Amino acid sequence: MFKTTGKIQVKNGIRIIGDLDMIRYYHRLIEFYTYRTEKLQLPAHGCHVTLVNPKIHKVKWELAKKYDGRGVEFTCYPERMYVSRVNYWIPVDCEYGDALKKLLGVDDGPNYWGLHLTVCNRKFNG
């Protein structure tokens, strides 16, 4: 586990934006681990932890805007990386992110997987 920092971005949702080199590093490790047998791409939004997805959550955007650009610290657990049918994810803990979601009234619902950093995906292996 390690701690790192990012900035809140309120733009088509709410995310914590981190250092792109971090996911590039893990993306490369996964390429080597899979012997480059899969087409892996970086996430469309770069290095990010999604707090609010506008397709799923409803929030008061005027309230959320004041948090744009705020620096936050979060903890990554690469040793607990998990793989879905499409994505490679690193679990993340972020007290500030959790508090912000609660403040904005975000209800994650029963299928919530927790905060995570998407390292790469294999959407184009079809």
Protein backbone atom coordinates (compact mmCIF):
# COMPACT_ATOMS: atom_id res chain seq x y z
CA MET A 1 0.00 0.00 0.00
CA PHE A 2 1.07 3.58 -0.51
CA LYS A 3 -0.31 7.08 -0.13
CA THR A 4 -0.47 9.55 -2.97
CA THR A 5 -2.27 12.78 -3.80
CA GLY A 6 -4.61 14.08 -6.44
CA LYS A 7 -6.98 16.94 -7.15
CA ILE A 8 -10.76 16.95 -7.22
CA GLN A 9 -12.12 17.53 -10.72
CA VAL A 10 -15.77 18.51 -11.18
CA LYS A 11 -16.34 18.02 -14.89
CA ASN A 12 -18.82 15.51 -16.31
CA GLY A 13 -18.86 13.87 -12.88
CA ILE A 14 -16.55 14.18 -9.89
CA ARG A 15 -13.15 12.50 -9.88
CA ILE A 16 -9.87 12.58 -8.04
CA ILE A 17 -7.22 13.09 -10.72
CA GLY A 18 -3.85 11.50 -9.97
CA ASP A 19 -0.47 11.21 -11.66
CA LEU A 20 -0.75 9.48 -15.04
CA ASP A 21 2.69 7.90 -14.58
CA MET A 22 1.29 5.85 -11.71
CA ILE A 23 -1.17 3.96 -13.90
CA ARG A 24 1.32 3.79 -16.76
CA TYR A 25 3.63 1.90 -14.41
CA TYR A 26 0.97 -0.67 -13.43
CA HIS A 27 -0.28 -0.87 -17.03
CA ARG A 28 3.24 -1.88 -18.08
CA LEU A 29 3.49 -4.48 -15.30
CA ILE A 30 0.19 -6.01 -16.43
CA GLU A 31 1.43 -6.09 -20.03
CA PHE A 32 4.48 -8.07 -18.93
CA TYR A 33 2.40 -10.27 -16.63
CA THR A 34 0.06 -11.20 -19.49
CA TYR A 35 2.99 -11.65 -21.92
CA ARG A 36 1.44 -8.91 -24.06
CA THR A 37 -1.31 -11.30 -25.16
CA GLU A 38 -4.09 -8.74 -24.58
CA LYS A 39 -4.71 -5.30 -26.05
CA LEU A 40 -4.68 -3.05 -22.98
CA GLN A 41 -5.53 0.62 -23.02
CA LEU A 42 -5.34 3.35 -20.41
CA PRO A 43 -8.63 4.75 -19.03
CA ALA A 44 -10.29 7.47 -21.11
CA HIS A 45 -10.14 9.94 -18.19
CA GLY A 46 -6.50 9.20 -17.32
CA CYS A 47 -5.46 8.43 -13.77
CA HIS A 48 -8.62 8.95 -11.75
CA VAL A 49 -10.80 7.71 -8.93
CA THR A 50 -14.48 8.25 -9.73
CA LEU A 51 -16.48 9.72 -6.85
CA VAL A 52 -19.64 10.67 -8.77
CA ASN A 53 -20.71 9.22 -12.10
CA PRO A 54 -23.44 11.44 -13.60
CA LYS A 55 -24.96 8.40 -15.36
CA ILE A 56 -25.59 6.79 -11.96
CA HIS A 57 -25.67 9.51 -9.29
CA LYS A 58 -27.71 12.64 -8.87
CA VAL A 59 -26.05 15.49 -6.96
CA LYS A 60 -26.38 19.23 -6.46
CA TRP A 61 -23.76 20.36 -8.97
CA GLU A 62 -23.75 23.95 -7.73
CA LEU A 63 -22.59 22.65 -4.33
CA ALA A 64 -20.01 20.31 -5.88
CA LYS A 65 -18.33 23.06 -7.95
CA LYS A 66 -16.70 24.66 -4.89
CA TYR A 67 -14.57 21.51 -4.37
CA ASP A 68 -13.07 21.64 -7.88
CA GLY A 69 -9.27 21.76 -7.73
CA ARG A 70 -8.98 20.84 -4.04
CA GLY A 71 -6.00 18.61 -3.24
CA VAL A 72 -6.68 15.28 -1.53
CA GLU A 73 -4.68 12.33 -0.24
CA PHE A 74 -5.67 8.74 -0.92
CA THR A 75 -4.24 5.29 -0.23
CA CYS A 76 -3.77 2.70 -3.00
CA TYR A 77 -3.61 -1.05 -2.46
CA PRO A 78 -1.96 -2.51 -5.60
CA GLU A 79 -1.41 -5.83 -3.80
CA ARG A 80 -5.22 -6.20 -3.82
CA MET A 81 -5.66 -5.44 -7.54
CA TYR A 82 -8.70 -7.12 -8.98
CA VAL A 83 -9.69 -7.91 -12.52
CA SER A 84 -13.17 -7.81 -13.99
CA ARG A 85 -14.18 -9.04 -17.40
CA VAL A 86 -12.89 -5.74 -18.83
CA ASN A 87 -10.94 -3.70 -16.22
CA TYR A 88 -7.92 -3.95 -13.95
CA TRP A 89 -8.63 -2.04 -10.70
CA ILE A 90 -6.62 -1.01 -7.66
CA PRO A 91 -8.73 -0.50 -4.50
CA VAL A 92 -8.43 2.96 -2.93
CA ASP A 93 -9.28 4.51 0.44
CA CYS A 94 -9.96 8.23 0.59
CA GLU A 95 -11.60 9.68 3.68
CA TYR A 96 -12.08 13.05 2.01
CA GLY A 97 -13.70 11.46 -1.05
CA ASP A 98 -16.05 9.42 1.12
CA ALA A 99 -16.96 12.52 3.16
CA LEU A 100 -17.57 14.56 -0.01
CA LYS A 101 -19.87 11.87 -1.41
CA LYS A 102 -21.83 11.83 1.85
CA LEU A 103 -22.06 15.64 1.86
CA LEU A 104 -23.41 15.59 -1.70
CA GLY A 105 -25.96 12.90 -0.82
CA VAL A 106 -24.53 10.24 -3.13
CA ASP A 107 -26.21 6.85 -2.75
CA ASP A 108 -23.99 4.15 -4.25
CA GLY A 109 -26.57 1.43 -4.06
CA PRO A 110 -26.14 -2.28 -3.35
CA ASN A 111 -23.76 -3.04 -6.24
CA TYR A 112 -21.06 -0.56 -5.19
CA TRP A 113 -17.51 -1.98 -5.37
CA GLY A 114 -15.84 0.80 -3.41
CA LEU A 115 -13.41 3.47 -4.52
CA HIS A 116 -10.88 2.24 -7.04
CA LEU A 117 -8.30 3.38 -9.54
CA THR A 118 -8.78 1.90 -13.00
CA VAL A 119 -5.32 0.99 -14.31
CA CYS A 120 -6.24 -0.29 -17.75
CA ASN A 121 -8.95 -2.08 -19.67
CA ARG A 122 -9.28 -4.59 -22.47
CA LYS A 123 -12.35 -3.18 -24.21
CA PHE A 124 -10.91 -3.82 -27.65
CA ASN A 125 -10.14 -7.53 -27.31
CA GLY A 126 -13.57 -8.43 -28.68
